[in-house]
Amino acid sequence: MGTAGGVVTREFGIPTISYGPGEEEQAHQCDESVRIPALFEAVNGTETLMHWLSTASISLSTEALRADEKRLVAFAAEGGI
């Protein structure tokens, strides 16, 4: 799993969720491992989430974003994330 959640939370105060098949206690350790069934579950969960997000009726305009969200969009556009 890869995430910029720490940056988003620390710099902008926006809560994030890390999601993946591994055990958090093993993350970034030399002997990190992932159970194969957990990998398939994570892929299926991600696919389900992406499908839902791509078919949901979401309307988002820049004017509607809060100030911290606007800063995050600008930060990401500049290659910060």
C-alpha atoms as a PDB file:
ATOM      1  CA  MET A   1       0.000   0.000   0.000  1.00  0.00           C
ATOM      2  CA  GLY A   2       1.166   3.509  -0.642  1.00  0.00           C
ATOM      3  CA  THR A   3      -0.386   6.578   0.878  1.00  0.00           C
ATOM      4  CA  ALA A   4       0.252  10.246   1.379  1.00  0.00           C
ATOM      5  CA  GLY A   5      -2.128  10.094   4.325  1.00  0.00           C
ATOM      6  CA  GLY A   6       0.474  11.297   6.785  1.00  0.00           C
ATOM      7  CA  VAL A   7       1.140  14.417   4.733  1.00  0.00           C
ATOM      8  CA  VAL A   8      -2.557  15.074   4.162  1.00  0.00           C
ATOM      9  CA  THR A   9      -3.352  14.710   7.866  1.00  0.00           C
ATOM     10  CA  ARG A  10      -0.279  16.499   9.216  1.00  0.00           C
ATOM     11  CA  GLU A  11      -0.168  19.393   6.737  1.00  0.00           C
ATOM     12  CA  PHE A  12      -3.875  19.946   6.111  1.00  0.00           C
ATOM     13  CA  GLY A  13      -5.700  18.349   9.049  1.00  0.00           C
ATOM     14  CA  ILE A  14      -7.779  16.149   6.739  1.00  0.00           C
ATOM     15  CA  PRO A  15      -8.430  12.671   8.204  1.00  0.00           C
ATOM     16  CA  THR A  16      -7.359   9.780   5.970  1.00  0.00           C
ATOM     17  CA  ILE A  17      -7.770   6.035   5.891  1.00  0.00           C
ATOM     18  CA  SER A  18      -4.951   3.645   5.015  1.00  0.00           C
ATOM     19  CA  TYR A  19      -6.187   0.497   3.353  1.00  0.00           C
ATOM     20  CA  GLY A  20      -4.308  -2.595   2.294  1.00  0.00           C
ATOM     21  CA  PRO A  21      -3.780  -6.304   2.819  1.00  0.00           C
ATOM     22  CA  GLY A  22      -0.791  -6.157   5.177  1.00  0.00           C
ATOM     23  CA  GLU A  23      -0.588  -6.039   8.941  1.00  0.00           C
ATOM     24  CA  GLU A  24       0.206  -2.541  10.173  1.00  0.00           C
ATOM     25  CA  GLU A  25       2.726  -3.900  12.683  1.00  0.00           C
ATOM     26  CA  GLN A  26       4.764  -5.344   9.780  1.00  0.00           C
ATOM     27  CA  ALA A  27       4.596  -2.286   7.544  1.00  0.00           C
ATOM     28  CA  HIS A  28       7.962  -1.186   6.159  1.00  0.00           C
ATOM     29  CA  GLN A  29       9.846  -3.964   7.974  1.00  0.00           C
ATOM     30  CA  CYS A  30      12.507  -6.167   6.373  1.00  0.00           C
ATOM     31  CA  ASP A  31      10.389  -9.331   6.630  1.00  0.00           C
ATOM     32  CA  GLU A  32       7.054  -7.770   5.767  1.00  0.00           C
ATOM     33  CA  SER A  33       4.658 -10.300   4.263  1.00  0.00           C
ATOM     34  CA  VAL A  34       1.090 -10.472   3.034  1.00  0.00           C
ATOM     35  CA  ARG A  35      -1.253 -13.457   3.133  1.00  0.00           C
ATOM     36  CA  ILE A  36      -2.401 -14.277  -0.422  1.00  0.00           C
ATOM     37  CA  PRO A  37      -6.109 -14.424   0.544  1.00  0.00           C
ATOM     38  CA  ALA A  38      -5.750 -10.985   2.173  1.00  0.00           C
ATOM     39  CA  LEU A  39      -4.226  -9.653  -1.054  1.00  0.00           C
ATOM     40  CA  PHE A  40      -7.215 -10.890  -3.071  1.00  0.00           C
ATOM     41  CA  GLU A  41      -9.624  -9.414  -0.502  1.00  0.00           C
ATOM     42  CA  ALA A  42      -7.865  -6.045  -0.704  1.00  0.00           C
ATOM     43  CA  VAL A  43      -7.948  -6.044  -4.513  1.00  0.00           C
ATOM     44  CA  ASN A  44     -11.644  -6.939  -4.474  1.00  0.00           C
ATOM     45  CA  GLY A  45     -12.370  -4.255  -1.876  1.00  0.00           C
ATOM     46  CA  THR A  46     -10.461  -1.640  -3.860  1.00  0.00           C
ATOM     47  CA  GLU A  47     -12.229  -2.644  -7.071  1.00  0.00           C
ATOM     48  CA  THR A  48     -15.607  -2.392  -5.334  1.00  0.00           C
ATOM     49  CA  LEU A  49     -14.768   1.032  -3.922  1.00  0.00           C
ATOM     50  CA  MET A  50     -13.507   2.329  -7.284  1.00  0.00           C
ATOM     51  CA  HIS A  51     -16.615   1.015  -9.045  1.00  0.00           C
ATOM     52  CA  TRP A  52     -18.874   2.694  -6.497  1.00  0.00           C
ATOM     53  CA  LEU A  53     -16.969   5.977  -6.739  1.00  0.00           C
ATOM     54  CA  SER A  54     -17.015   5.911 -10.543  1.00  0.00           C
ATOM     55  CA  THR A  55     -20.768   5.356 -10.702  1.00  0.00           C
ATOM     56  CA  ALA A  56     -21.857   7.526  -7.759  1.00  0.00           C
ATOM     57  CA  SER A  57     -23.495  10.815  -8.489  1.00  0.00           C
ATOM     58  CA  ILE A  58     -20.920  13.174  -7.002  1.00  0.00           C
ATOM     59  CA  SER A  59     -20.889  16.861  -7.837  1.00  0.00           C
ATOM     60  CA  LEU A  60     -17.881  18.797  -6.638  1.00  0.00           C
ATOM     61  CA  SER A  61     -17.068  22.353  -7.531  1.00  0.00           C
ATOM     62  CA  THR A  62     -13.958  24.270  -6.527  1.00  0.00           C
ATOM     63  CA  GLU A  63     -16.119  26.956  -4.933  1.00  0.00           C
ATOM     64  CA  ALA A  64     -17.653  24.378  -2.628  1.00  0.00           C
ATOM     65  CA  LEU A  65     -14.336  23.159  -1.248  1.00  0.00           C
ATOM     66  CA  ARG A  66     -13.175  24.299   2.163  1.00  0.00           C
ATOM     67  CA  ALA A  67      -9.989  26.382   2.303  1.00  0.00           C
ATOM     68  CA  ASP A  68      -7.825  23.469   3.488  1.00  0.00           C
ATOM     69  CA  GLU A  69      -9.097  21.289   0.659  1.00  0.00           C
ATOM     70  CA  LYS A  70      -8.230  24.010  -1.863  1.00  0.00           C
ATOM     71  CA  ARG A  71      -4.709  24.112  -0.416  1.00  0.00           C
ATOM     72  CA  LEU A  72      -4.460  20.329  -0.738  1.00  0.00           C
ATOM     73  CA  VAL A  73      -5.550  20.435  -4.397  1.00  0.00           C
ATOM     74  CA  ALA A  74      -2.942  23.109  -5.120  1.00  0.00           C
ATOM     75  CA  PHE A  75      -0.267  21.183  -3.203  1.00  0.00           C
ATOM     76  CA  ALA A  76      -1.015  18.013  -5.172  1.00  0.00           C
ATOM     77  CA  ALA A  77      -1.061  19.894  -8.482  1.00  0.00           C
ATOM     78  CA  GLU A  78       2.426  21.201  -7.725  1.00  0.00           C
ATOM     79  CA  GLY A  79       3.630  17.611  -7.282  1.00  0.00           C
ATOM     80  CA  GLY A  80       3.611  17.710  -3.485  1.00  0.00           C
ATOM     81  CA  ILE A  81       1.783  14.388  -3.229  1.00  0.00           C
END
